[in-house]
Structures are given as C-alpha cells and as structure tokens.
Amino acid sequence: MSVQAITESPVMRAVLITIALVFLGFFLLLPLLAVFSEALREGAGPFLDALHTADALAAIRLTLLIAAISVPLNMVFGIAASWAITKFQFPGKALLITLIDLPFSVSPVVSGLIFVLLFGANGLFGAWLAEHDLKIIFAVPGIVLATVFITFPFVARELIPLMLEQGKDDEEAAISLGANGWQTFWHVTLPNIRWGLLYGVLLCNARAMGEFGAVSVVSGHIRGETNTMPLHVEILYNEYDFVGAFAVASLLALLALVTLVAKTVLEWRFGLHAGARH
C-alpha cells in the first residue's frame, strides 16, 4: 500500500487542525479568558481583597486539606489495587476491576446522597454516630469521604495498564536473587512505576480540588467551615459578588493550568522513560 493511500491530503489535515483549534479556543481558551478578565475587571485591589476575606481563606485552606488527605489515601489504594490486579490471581479480581470504575459511572451527586443515607442524622449509622457524638455529614470527614470516593480510580487506572505492560519479569528476578516482598516493591516495582504514579496523583489532586457535586451534598454549605473553593464560588456568584466569585474561580483555573503544565512535563518524562526501557 502506498504512502499516499494512508496519508490524509494537506487540505484534510488543515481542516482537521482548524476544527481542533476552533474547538479548543471556543470551549477552553475563551472561558479561561472570561474568568480572568471578570476577576480583574475592577483592578488588582478588589481581586486580592476577594481572596483575602476570611471565608475565602477558609475555603482555600479546606480545599488544600481535603486534597492533602484524599490524595495520599488514593495513592496507597491505587498502588495496592494495581499491584494485586497485575501481579496475582485471586477470586473477585474482575469484580475489583469493575468497582474501581464505579465513580466514573455514578453521578457525583448520587455519590454524595449515598453517604448522607449512610451517615446522615436519619441514615443507617446516624443514630450510632449521634450516640457517640461523631459527626460525618456536614463536616470535614464527610467531605473527605466523598472526595476519596470520587477520586480513587485515577491512580489505579494509570498504574494498571503500565504494570500489565511491564509484566512480572523484574519482580521475579529480584525474588530469585533473594529479595523479599517489601524489598522487591521498594527497589523494583516502585521505581518502574514512579512516572505513572506521579501522573495519576496529579490527576487525582486536580479532581479533588475541583470536585463540586458530591462535596456540595455532604458539606452543608457552612461558610468558613465546610465550604471548599468550588462551593465558595457558587455562594459568591449567587450573592451577585461577581468579582469575588471570579477571583476564587481564577485561582482554581490557575491551579488547573499548573496541573496541565505538570501533566505535560510528566508525559514527556514518562515518554522518555518508556523509550529508554525499550
């Protein structure tokens, strides 16, 4: 088969590239520009003042706290699940793989409602929690649970294909040389997956900081206590504080751009690492 038969014409390539650029410009660049322009519409002073209010600072701290708790938990789960799925055969393996994808198929709002039905005042464990003076719903633990549930597939879904591609040869060689399980993991498995792990952690962190639906259901929208940055943006916008809303939204957008740059760098490094292995 000739090269011309499998290669698009210059006109077709130009059309496809134009469509892609127009799509990205309309659905990505224009909204980002709108967010930053609205945030700075009245100047840098009101923009900075909106970020330094007590409620905004509390929302920023809570968002970072939720990410700091949920991301390491999902990293541990992702590594353990990926290691078990790719290195061992056990009953329920197919079910575990299916359950990992569950948050992708369930609406975040429904996920939040599930936790309310379990841990709310009238929920399955509500009476027991009340007797022991434990509060999960409308408190930080509920936000953590909802965020962990929504974000737990990201690390595992990055590592499973990578570890399947790598196979078991390196681990088996290490064990044959006398290494135990932990030594094999720390000195063989973990170095081999480090770039994929960082990539999954990055995606997990981005989703944790930007999650709205599930967190909105379980948080109670208590200003200064259970409002994350996305929830704070909604409240400010509903109160017609557009500068404040877009100021906090621009901070989230800036975090997204930083995530995008870091994602690109990791993809480049991971590509180099994969190329070096082959």
C-alpha atoms as a PDB file:
ATOM      1  CA  MET A   1       0.000   0.000   0.000  1.00  0.00           C
ATOM      2  CA  SER A   2       1.399   3.385  -0.976  1.00  0.00           C
ATOM      3  CA  VAL A   3       2.042   6.196   1.464  1.00  0.00           C
ATOM      4  CA  GLN A   4      -0.493   8.403  -0.354  1.00  0.00           C
ATOM      5  CA  ALA A   5      -3.212   5.819   0.261  1.00  0.00           C
ATOM      6  CA  ILE A   6      -2.899   6.011   4.041  1.00  0.00           C
ATOM      7  CA  THR A   7      -1.987   9.673   4.482  1.00  0.00           C
ATOM      8  CA  GLU A   8      -4.534  12.473   4.573  1.00  0.00           C
ATOM      9  CA  SER A   9      -4.295  15.198   1.995  1.00  0.00           C
ATOM     10  CA  PRO A  10      -2.911  18.606   3.043  1.00  0.00           C
ATOM     11  CA  VAL A  11      -6.400  20.084   2.762  1.00  0.00           C
ATOM     12  CA  MET A  12      -7.876  17.437   5.067  1.00  0.00           C
ATOM     13  CA  ARG A  13      -5.070  17.923   7.608  1.00  0.00           C
ATOM     14  CA  ALA A  14      -5.655  21.674   7.552  1.00  0.00           C
ATOM     15  CA  VAL A  15      -9.401  21.184   8.074  1.00  0.00           C
ATOM     16  CA  LEU A  16      -8.905  18.790  10.985  1.00  0.00           C
ATOM     17  CA  ILE A  17      -6.344  21.052  12.664  1.00  0.00           C
ATOM     18  CA  THR A  18      -8.600  24.072  12.203  1.00  0.00           C
ATOM     19  CA  ILE A  19     -11.580  22.252  13.717  1.00  0.00           C
ATOM     20  CA  ALA A  20      -9.471  21.184  16.709  1.00  0.00           C
ATOM     21  CA  LEU A  21      -8.090  24.695  17.269  1.00  0.00           C
ATOM     22  CA  VAL A  22     -11.508  26.331  16.949  1.00  0.00           C
ATOM     23  CA  PHE A  23     -12.998  23.809  19.365  1.00  0.00           C
ATOM     24  CA  LEU A  24     -10.220  24.349  21.924  1.00  0.00           C
ATOM     25  CA  GLY A  25     -10.389  28.112  21.543  1.00  0.00           C
ATOM     26  CA  PHE A  26     -14.151  28.255  21.966  1.00  0.00           C
ATOM     27  CA  PHE A  27     -14.557  25.744  24.798  1.00  0.00           C
ATOM     28  CA  LEU A  28     -11.249  26.185  26.648  1.00  0.00           C
ATOM     29  CA  LEU A  29      -9.413  29.429  25.965  1.00  0.00           C
ATOM     30  CA  LEU A  30     -12.417  31.761  25.830  1.00  0.00           C
ATOM     31  CA  PRO A  31     -13.859  30.548  29.179  1.00  0.00           C
ATOM     32  CA  LEU A  32     -10.431  30.886  30.816  1.00  0.00           C
ATOM     33  CA  LEU A  33     -10.004  34.398  29.448  1.00  0.00           C
ATOM     34  CA  ALA A  34     -13.511  35.279  30.618  1.00  0.00           C
ATOM     35  CA  VAL A  35     -12.780  34.053  34.148  1.00  0.00           C
ATOM     36  CA  PHE A  36      -9.552  36.059  34.489  1.00  0.00           C
ATOM     37  CA  SER A  37     -10.993  39.169  32.818  1.00  0.00           C
ATOM     38  CA  GLU A  38     -14.020  39.176  35.122  1.00  0.00           C
ATOM     39  CA  ALA A  39     -11.834  38.595  38.165  1.00  0.00           C
ATOM     40  CA  LEU A  40      -9.641  41.601  37.272  1.00  0.00           C
ATOM     41  CA  ARG A  41     -12.446  43.766  35.913  1.00  0.00           C
ATOM     42  CA  GLU A  42     -12.232  46.221  38.827  1.00  0.00           C
ATOM     43  CA  GLY A  43      -8.468  46.011  39.175  1.00  0.00           C
ATOM     44  CA  ALA A  44      -5.935  44.094  41.215  1.00  0.00           C
ATOM     45  CA  GLY A  45      -7.022  45.611  44.541  1.00  0.00           C
ATOM     46  CA  PRO A  46     -10.560  44.168  44.660  1.00  0.00           C
ATOM     47  CA  PHE A  47      -9.202  40.915  43.208  1.00  0.00           C
ATOM     48  CA  LEU A  48      -6.709  40.493  46.054  1.00  0.00           C
ATOM     49  CA  ASP A  49      -9.244  41.674  48.644  1.00  0.00           C
ATOM     50  CA  ALA A  50     -11.668  38.972  47.499  1.00  0.00           C
ATOM     51  CA  LEU A  51      -9.002  36.313  48.034  1.00  0.00           C
ATOM     52  CA  HIS A  52      -8.100  37.645  51.485  1.00  0.00           C
ATOM     53  CA  THR A  53     -11.565  37.520  53.047  1.00  0.00           C
ATOM     54  CA  ALA A  54     -11.993  35.164  55.983  1.00  0.00           C
ATOM     55  CA  ASP A  55     -14.419  32.922  54.102  1.00  0.00           C
ATOM     56  CA  ALA A  56     -12.193  32.721  51.017  1.00  0.00           C
ATOM     57  CA  LEU A  57      -9.114  31.852  53.073  1.00  0.00           C
ATOM     58  CA  ALA A  58     -11.105  29.217  54.977  1.00  0.00           C
ATOM     59  CA  ALA A  59     -12.293  27.710  51.660  1.00  0.00           C
ATOM     60  CA  ILE A  60      -8.737  27.646  50.305  1.00  0.00           C
ATOM     61  CA  ARG A  61      -7.394  26.003  53.474  1.00  0.00           C
ATOM     62  CA  LEU A  62     -10.177  23.413  53.480  1.00  0.00           C
ATOM     63  CA  THR A  63      -9.636  22.605  49.794  1.00  0.00           C
ATOM     64  CA  LEU A  64      -5.921  22.057  50.368  1.00  0.00           C
ATOM     65  CA  LEU A  65      -6.652  19.982  53.491  1.00  0.00           C
ATOM     66  CA  ILE A  66      -9.120  17.732  51.657  1.00  0.00           C
ATOM     67  CA  ALA A  67      -6.621  17.211  48.838  1.00  0.00           C
ATOM     68  CA  ALA A  68      -3.803  16.548  51.330  1.00  0.00           C
ATOM     69  CA  ILE A  69      -5.880  13.777  52.951  1.00  0.00           C
ATOM     70  CA  SER A  70      -7.629  12.194  49.975  1.00  0.00           C
ATOM     71  CA  VAL A  71      -4.721  12.096  47.516  1.00  0.00           C
ATOM     72  CA  PRO A  72      -2.342  10.049  49.744  1.00  0.00           C
ATOM     73  CA  LEU A  73      -5.184   7.671  50.617  1.00  0.00           C
ATOM     74  CA  ASN A  74      -5.958   7.139  46.946  1.00  0.00           C
ATOM     75  CA  MET A  75      -2.273   6.767  46.160  1.00  0.00           C
ATOM     76  CA  VAL A  76      -1.983   3.915  48.673  1.00  0.00           C
ATOM     77  CA  PHE A  77      -5.179   2.314  47.386  1.00  0.00           C
ATOM     78  CA  GLY A  78      -4.138   2.746  43.759  1.00  0.00           C
ATOM     79  CA  ILE A  79      -0.749   1.116  44.292  1.00  0.00           C
ATOM     80  CA  ALA A  80      -2.192  -1.752  46.327  1.00  0.00           C
ATOM     81  CA  ALA A  81      -5.047  -2.416  43.898  1.00  0.00           C
ATOM     82  CA  SER A  82      -2.809  -2.201  40.837  1.00  0.00           C
ATOM     83  CA  TRP A  83      -0.182  -4.456  42.364  1.00  0.00           C
ATOM     84  CA  ALA A  84      -2.783  -7.057  43.340  1.00  0.00           C
ATOM     85  CA  ILE A  85      -4.555  -6.954  39.954  1.00  0.00           C
ATOM     86  CA  THR A  86      -1.436  -7.142  37.801  1.00  0.00           C
ATOM     87  CA  LYS A  87       0.769  -9.472  39.836  1.00  0.00           C
ATOM     88  CA  PHE A  88      -1.634 -12.007  41.353  1.00  0.00           C
ATOM     89  CA  GLN A  89      -4.637 -14.174  40.530  1.00  0.00           C
ATOM     90  CA  PHE A  90      -7.401 -14.239  43.163  1.00  0.00           C
ATOM     91  CA  PRO A  91     -11.193 -14.700  43.414  1.00  0.00           C
ATOM     92  CA  GLY A  92     -13.056 -11.455  42.781  1.00  0.00           C
ATOM     93  CA  LYS A  93     -10.348  -9.904  40.633  1.00  0.00           C
ATOM     94  CA  ALA A  94     -12.785  -8.989  37.850  1.00  0.00           C
ATOM     95  CA  LEU A  95     -15.190  -7.519  40.421  1.00  0.00           C
ATOM     96  CA  LEU A  96     -12.407  -5.354  41.869  1.00  0.00           C
ATOM     97  CA  ILE A  97     -11.566  -4.004  38.417  1.00  0.00           C
ATOM     98  CA  THR A  98     -15.239  -3.191  37.860  1.00  0.00           C
ATOM     99  CA  LEU A  99     -15.613  -1.470  41.223  1.00  0.00           C
ATOM    100  CA  ILE A 100     -12.599   0.734  40.537  1.00  0.00           C
ATOM    101  CA  ASP A 101     -14.535   2.237  37.619  1.00  0.00           C
ATOM    102  CA  LEU A 102     -17.695   2.777  39.691  1.00  0.00           C
ATOM    103  CA  PRO A 103     -17.123   6.500  40.420  1.00  0.00           C
ATOM    104  CA  PHE A 104     -16.812   7.130  36.677  1.00  0.00           C
ATOM    105  CA  SER A 105     -20.316   5.736  36.078  1.00  0.00           C
ATOM    106  CA  VAL A 106     -22.123   7.168  39.121  1.00  0.00           C
ATOM    107  CA  SER A 107     -23.148  10.816  39.292  1.00  0.00           C
ATOM    108  CA  PRO A 108     -21.186  12.736  41.964  1.00  0.00           C
ATOM    109  CA  VAL A 109     -24.475  13.995  43.394  1.00  0.00           C
ATOM    110  CA  VAL A 110     -25.700  10.416  43.776  1.00  0.00           C
ATOM    111  CA  SER A 111     -22.391   9.545  45.457  1.00  0.00           C
ATOM    112  CA  GLY A 112     -22.953  12.312  47.980  1.00  0.00           C
ATOM    113  CA  LEU A 113     -26.508  11.154  48.627  1.00  0.00           C
ATOM    114  CA  ILE A 114     -25.227   7.646  49.342  1.00  0.00           C
ATOM    115  CA  PHE A 115     -23.049   8.998  52.151  1.00  0.00           C
ATOM    116  CA  VAL A 116     -25.985  11.018  53.503  1.00  0.00           C
ATOM    117  CA  LEU A 117     -28.108   7.848  53.571  1.00  0.00           C
ATOM    118  CA  LEU A 118     -25.322   6.055  55.433  1.00  0.00           C
ATOM    119  CA  PHE A 119     -24.038   8.680  57.849  1.00  0.00           C
ATOM    120  CA  GLY A 120     -26.732  11.369  57.967  1.00  0.00           C
ATOM    121  CA  ALA A 121     -28.899  12.040  61.023  1.00  0.00           C
ATOM    122  CA  ASN A 122     -31.581   9.685  59.686  1.00  0.00           C
ATOM    123  CA  GLY A 123     -29.125   7.399  57.932  1.00  0.00           C
ATOM    124  CA  LEU A 124     -28.162   3.799  58.558  1.00  0.00           C
ATOM    125  CA  PHE A 125     -25.438   4.709  61.059  1.00  0.00           C
ATOM    126  CA  GLY A 126     -26.880   8.084  62.068  1.00  0.00           C
ATOM    127  CA  ALA A 127     -28.199   7.021  65.484  1.00  0.00           C
ATOM    128  CA  TRP A 128     -24.928   5.307  66.449  1.00  0.00           C
ATOM    129  CA  LEU A 129     -22.890   8.333  65.375  1.00  0.00           C
ATOM    130  CA  ALA A 130     -25.155  10.645  67.380  1.00  0.00           C
ATOM    131  CA  GLU A 131     -24.792   8.475  70.488  1.00  0.00           C
ATOM    132  CA  HIS A 132     -21.002   8.695  70.237  1.00  0.00           C
ATOM    133  CA  ASP A 133     -21.009  12.405  69.352  1.00  0.00           C
ATOM    134  CA  LEU A 134     -19.432  11.777  65.957  1.00  0.00           C
ATOM    135  CA  LYS A 135     -20.290  13.974  63.006  1.00  0.00           C
ATOM    136  CA  ILE A 136     -19.524  12.984  59.428  1.00  0.00           C
ATOM    137  CA  ILE A 137     -22.150  14.623  57.235  1.00  0.00           C
ATOM    138  CA  PHE A 138     -21.962  18.447  57.148  1.00  0.00           C
ATOM    139  CA  ALA A 139     -18.422  18.189  58.482  1.00  0.00           C
ATOM    140  CA  VAL A 140     -14.901  17.653  57.185  1.00  0.00           C
ATOM    141  CA  PRO A 141     -14.975  13.807  57.447  1.00  0.00           C
ATOM    142  CA  GLY A 142     -17.941  13.658  55.075  1.00  0.00           C
ATOM    143  CA  ILE A 143     -16.174  15.885  52.551  1.00  0.00           C
ATOM    144  CA  VAL A 144     -13.098  13.659  52.768  1.00  0.00           C
ATOM    145  CA  LEU A 145     -15.160  10.506  52.218  1.00  0.00           C
ATOM    146  CA  ALA A 146     -16.969  11.982  49.233  1.00  0.00           C
ATOM    147  CA  THR A 147     -13.734  13.241  47.691  1.00  0.00           C
ATOM    148  CA  VAL A 148     -11.924   9.945  48.226  1.00  0.00           C
ATOM    149  CA  PHE A 149     -14.785   8.058  46.566  1.00  0.00           C
ATOM    150  CA  ILE A 150     -14.887  10.365  43.556  1.00  0.00           C
ATOM    151  CA  THR A 151     -11.118  10.343  43.009  1.00  0.00           C
ATOM    152  CA  PHE A 152      -9.985   6.815  43.867  1.00  0.00           C
ATOM    153  CA  PRO A 153      -9.968   5.449  40.277  1.00  0.00           C
ATOM    154  CA  PHE A 154      -7.374   7.914  38.962  1.00  0.00           C
ATOM    155  CA  VAL A 155      -4.181   6.424  40.390  1.00  0.00           C
ATOM    156  CA  ALA A 156      -5.235   2.810  39.863  1.00  0.00           C
ATOM    157  CA  ARG A 157      -6.345   3.457  36.294  1.00  0.00           C
ATOM    158  CA  GLU A 158      -2.963   4.964  35.428  1.00  0.00           C
ATOM    159  CA  LEU A 159      -0.959   2.168  37.048  1.00  0.00           C
ATOM    160  CA  ILE A 160      -2.860  -0.939  35.945  1.00  0.00           C
ATOM    161  CA  PRO A 161      -2.066  -0.676  32.186  1.00  0.00           C
ATOM    162  CA  LEU A 162       1.512   0.347  32.958  1.00  0.00           C
ATOM    163  CA  MET A 163       2.140  -2.582  35.293  1.00  0.00           C
ATOM    164  CA  LEU A 164       0.470  -5.018  32.886  1.00  0.00           C
ATOM    165  CA  GLU A 165       2.795  -3.817  30.137  1.00  0.00           C
ATOM    166  CA  GLN A 166       5.845  -4.197  32.362  1.00  0.00           C
ATOM    167  CA  GLY A 167       4.945  -7.739  33.366  1.00  0.00           C
ATOM    168  CA  LYS A 168       6.446  -9.700  36.254  1.00  0.00           C
ATOM    169  CA  ASP A 169       9.956 -10.392  34.992  1.00  0.00           C
ATOM    170  CA  ASP A 170      11.740  -7.762  37.093  1.00  0.00           C
ATOM    171  CA  GLU A 171       9.965  -8.787  40.300  1.00  0.00           C
ATOM    172  CA  GLU A 172      10.580 -12.479  39.684  1.00  0.00           C
ATOM    173  CA  ALA A 173      14.258 -11.790  39.035  1.00  0.00           C
ATOM    174  CA  ALA A 174      14.550  -9.835  42.284  1.00  0.00           C
ATOM    175  CA  ILE A 175      12.843 -12.594  44.267  1.00  0.00           C
ATOM    176  CA  SER A 176      15.074 -15.235  42.684  1.00  0.00           C
ATOM    177  CA  LEU A 177      18.075 -13.214  43.903  1.00  0.00           C
ATOM    178  CA  GLY A 178      16.820 -13.325  47.485  1.00  0.00           C
ATOM    179  CA  ALA A 179      14.786 -10.119  47.832  1.00  0.00           C
ATOM    180  CA  ASN A 180      11.668 -10.262  49.981  1.00  0.00           C
ATOM    181  CA  GLY A 181       8.315  -8.710  49.096  1.00  0.00           C
ATOM    182  CA  TRP A 182       9.000  -5.235  50.524  1.00  0.00           C
ATOM    183  CA  GLN A 183      12.468  -5.068  49.039  1.00  0.00           C
ATOM    184  CA  THR A 184      11.065  -6.039  45.649  1.00  0.00           C
ATOM    185  CA  PHE A 185       8.399  -3.353  45.897  1.00  0.00           C
ATOM    186  CA  TRP A 186      10.688  -0.519  47.049  1.00  0.00           C
ATOM    187  CA  HIS A 187      13.631  -1.267  44.780  1.00  0.00           C
ATOM    188  CA  VAL A 188      11.969  -2.740  41.680  1.00  0.00           C
ATOM    189  CA  THR A 189       8.224  -2.105  41.369  1.00  0.00           C
ATOM    190  CA  LEU A 190       8.079   1.468  42.698  1.00  0.00           C
ATOM    191  CA  PRO A 191      10.952   2.829  40.557  1.00  0.00           C
ATOM    192  CA  ASN A 192       9.377   1.258  37.476  1.00  0.00           C
ATOM    193  CA  ILE A 193       6.008   2.948  38.060  1.00  0.00           C
ATOM    194  CA  ARG A 194       7.129   6.284  39.514  1.00  0.00           C
ATOM    195  CA  TRP A 195       6.231   8.425  36.494  1.00  0.00           C
ATOM    196  CA  GLY A 196       2.850   6.775  36.027  1.00  0.00           C
ATOM    197  CA  LEU A 197       2.226   7.130  39.768  1.00  0.00           C
ATOM    198  CA  LEU A 198       3.038  10.838  39.710  1.00  0.00           C
ATOM    199  CA  TYR A 199       0.764  11.288  36.710  1.00  0.00           C
ATOM    200  CA  GLY A 200      -2.123   9.554  38.475  1.00  0.00           C
ATOM    201  CA  VAL A 201      -1.533  11.533  41.673  1.00  0.00           C
ATOM    202  CA  LEU A 202      -1.584  14.750  39.652  1.00  0.00           C
ATOM    203  CA  LEU A 203      -4.946  13.923  38.072  1.00  0.00           C
ATOM    204  CA  CYS A 204      -6.315  12.804  41.421  1.00  0.00           C
ATOM    205  CA  ASN A 205      -5.242  16.057  43.071  1.00  0.00           C
ATOM    206  CA  ALA A 206      -6.787  18.165  40.318  1.00  0.00           C
ATOM    207  CA  ARG A 207     -10.137  16.387  40.670  1.00  0.00           C
ATOM    208  CA  ALA A 208     -10.011  16.545  44.478  1.00  0.00           C
ATOM    209  CA  MET A 209      -9.583  20.336  44.482  1.00  0.00           C
ATOM    210  CA  GLY A 210     -12.236  20.898  41.819  1.00  0.00           C
ATOM    211  CA  GLU A 211     -14.928  18.448  42.952  1.00  0.00           C
ATOM    212  CA  PHE A 212     -18.323  20.069  43.386  1.00  0.00           C
ATOM    213  CA  GLY A 213     -21.289  17.690  43.152  1.00  0.00           C
ATOM    214  CA  ALA A 214     -20.582  15.130  45.862  1.00  0.00           C
ATOM    215  CA  VAL A 215     -18.997  17.693  48.180  1.00  0.00           C
ATOM    216  CA  SER A 216     -21.986  20.014  47.760  1.00  0.00           C
ATOM    217  CA  VAL A 217     -24.349  17.307  49.035  1.00  0.00           C
ATOM    218  CA  VAL A 218     -22.368  16.327  52.142  1.00  0.00           C
ATOM    219  CA  SER A 219     -20.896  19.704  53.143  1.00  0.00           C
ATOM    220  CA  GLY A 220     -23.975  21.616  54.294  1.00  0.00           C
ATOM    221  CA  HIS A 221     -22.520  24.825  52.775  1.00  0.00           C
ATOM    222  CA  ILE A 222     -21.423  26.188  56.158  1.00  0.00           C
ATOM    223  CA  ARG A 223     -19.444  29.335  55.418  1.00  0.00           C
ATOM    224  CA  GLY A 224     -15.983  29.346  56.873  1.00  0.00           C
ATOM    225  CA  GLU A 225     -16.257  25.693  57.912  1.00  0.00           C
ATOM    226  CA  THR A 226     -17.347  23.255  55.183  1.00  0.00           C
ATOM    227  CA  ASN A 227     -17.176  25.318  52.008  1.00  0.00           C
ATOM    228  CA  THR A 228     -14.434  24.327  49.592  1.00  0.00           C
ATOM    229  CA  MET A 229     -13.338  26.679  46.830  1.00  0.00           C
ATOM    230  CA  PRO A 230     -15.892  25.481  44.230  1.00  0.00           C
ATOM    231  CA  LEU A 231     -18.714  25.812  46.780  1.00  0.00           C
ATOM    232  CA  HIS A 232     -17.486  29.255  47.798  1.00  0.00           C
ATOM    233  CA  VAL A 233     -17.555  30.343  44.150  1.00  0.00           C
ATOM    234  CA  GLU A 234     -21.182  29.250  43.871  1.00  0.00           C
ATOM    235  CA  ILE A 235     -22.211  31.140  47.007  1.00  0.00           C
ATOM    236  CA  LEU A 236     -20.485  34.343  45.926  1.00  0.00           C
ATOM    237  CA  TYR A 237     -21.999  34.145  42.461  1.00  0.00           C
ATOM    238  CA  ASN A 238     -25.497  33.591  43.855  1.00  0.00           C
ATOM    239  CA  GLU A 239     -24.968  36.669  46.038  1.00  0.00           C
ATOM    240  CA  TYR A 240     -24.020  38.704  42.950  1.00  0.00           C
ATOM    241  CA  ASP A 241     -20.479  39.177  44.210  1.00  0.00           C
ATOM    242  CA  PHE A 242     -19.117  38.571  40.735  1.00  0.00           C
ATOM    243  CA  VAL A 243     -15.617  39.912  41.393  1.00  0.00           C
ATOM    244  CA  GLY A 244     -15.227  37.680  44.427  1.00  0.00           C
ATOM    245  CA  ALA A 245     -16.671  34.656  42.650  1.00  0.00           C
ATOM    246  CA  PHE A 246     -14.438  35.052  39.613  1.00  0.00           C
ATOM    247  CA  ALA A 247     -11.401  35.818  41.792  1.00  0.00           C
ATOM    248  CA  VAL A 248     -11.703  32.461  43.559  1.00  0.00           C
ATOM    249  CA  ALA A 249     -12.609  30.791  40.263  1.00  0.00           C
ATOM    250  CA  SER A 250      -9.481  32.267  38.681  1.00  0.00           C
ATOM    251  CA  LEU A 251      -7.410  30.725  41.453  1.00  0.00           C
ATOM    252  CA  LEU A 252      -8.952  27.344  40.650  1.00  0.00           C
ATOM    253  CA  ALA A 253      -8.297  27.960  36.954  1.00  0.00           C
ATOM    254  CA  LEU A 254      -4.687  28.849  37.732  1.00  0.00           C
ATOM    255  CA  LEU A 255      -4.314  25.586  39.657  1.00  0.00           C
ATOM    256  CA  ALA A 256      -5.778  23.784  36.638  1.00  0.00           C
ATOM    257  CA  LEU A 257      -3.233  25.437  34.335  1.00  0.00           C
ATOM    258  CA  VAL A 258      -0.399  24.470  36.680  1.00  0.00           C
ATOM    259  CA  THR A 259      -1.760  20.923  36.656  1.00  0.00           C
ATOM    260  CA  LEU A 260      -1.846  20.964  32.858  1.00  0.00           C
ATOM    261  CA  VAL A 261       1.783  22.083  32.653  1.00  0.00           C
ATOM    262  CA  ALA A 262       2.862  19.480  35.192  1.00  0.00           C
ATOM    263  CA  LYS A 263       0.855  16.840  33.293  1.00  0.00           C
ATOM    264  CA  THR A 264       2.651  17.762  30.061  1.00  0.00           C
ATOM    265  CA  VAL A 265       6.050  17.569  31.742  1.00  0.00           C
ATOM    266  CA  LEU A 266       5.232  14.197  33.271  1.00  0.00           C
ATOM    267  CA  GLU A 267       4.011  12.863  29.925  1.00  0.00           C
ATOM    268  CA  TRP A 268       7.283  13.976  28.357  1.00  0.00           C
ATOM    269  CA  ARG A 269       9.384  12.424  31.115  1.00  0.00           C
ATOM    270  CA  PHE A 270       7.290   9.265  31.087  1.00  0.00           C
ATOM    271  CA  GLY A 271       7.723   9.027  27.318  1.00  0.00           C
ATOM    272  CA  LEU A 272      11.462   9.363  27.677  1.00  0.00           C
ATOM    273  CA  HIS A 273      11.496   6.730  30.411  1.00  0.00           C
ATOM    274  CA  ALA A 274       9.396   4.325  28.333  1.00  0.00           C
ATOM    275  CA  GLY A 275      11.633   4.926  25.325  1.00  0.00           C
ATOM    276  CA  ALA A 276      14.734   4.225  27.395  1.00  0.00           C
ATOM    277  CA  ARG A 277      13.229   0.910  28.588  1.00  0.00           C
ATOM    278  CA  HIS A 278      12.651  -0.205  25.006  1.00  0.00           C
END
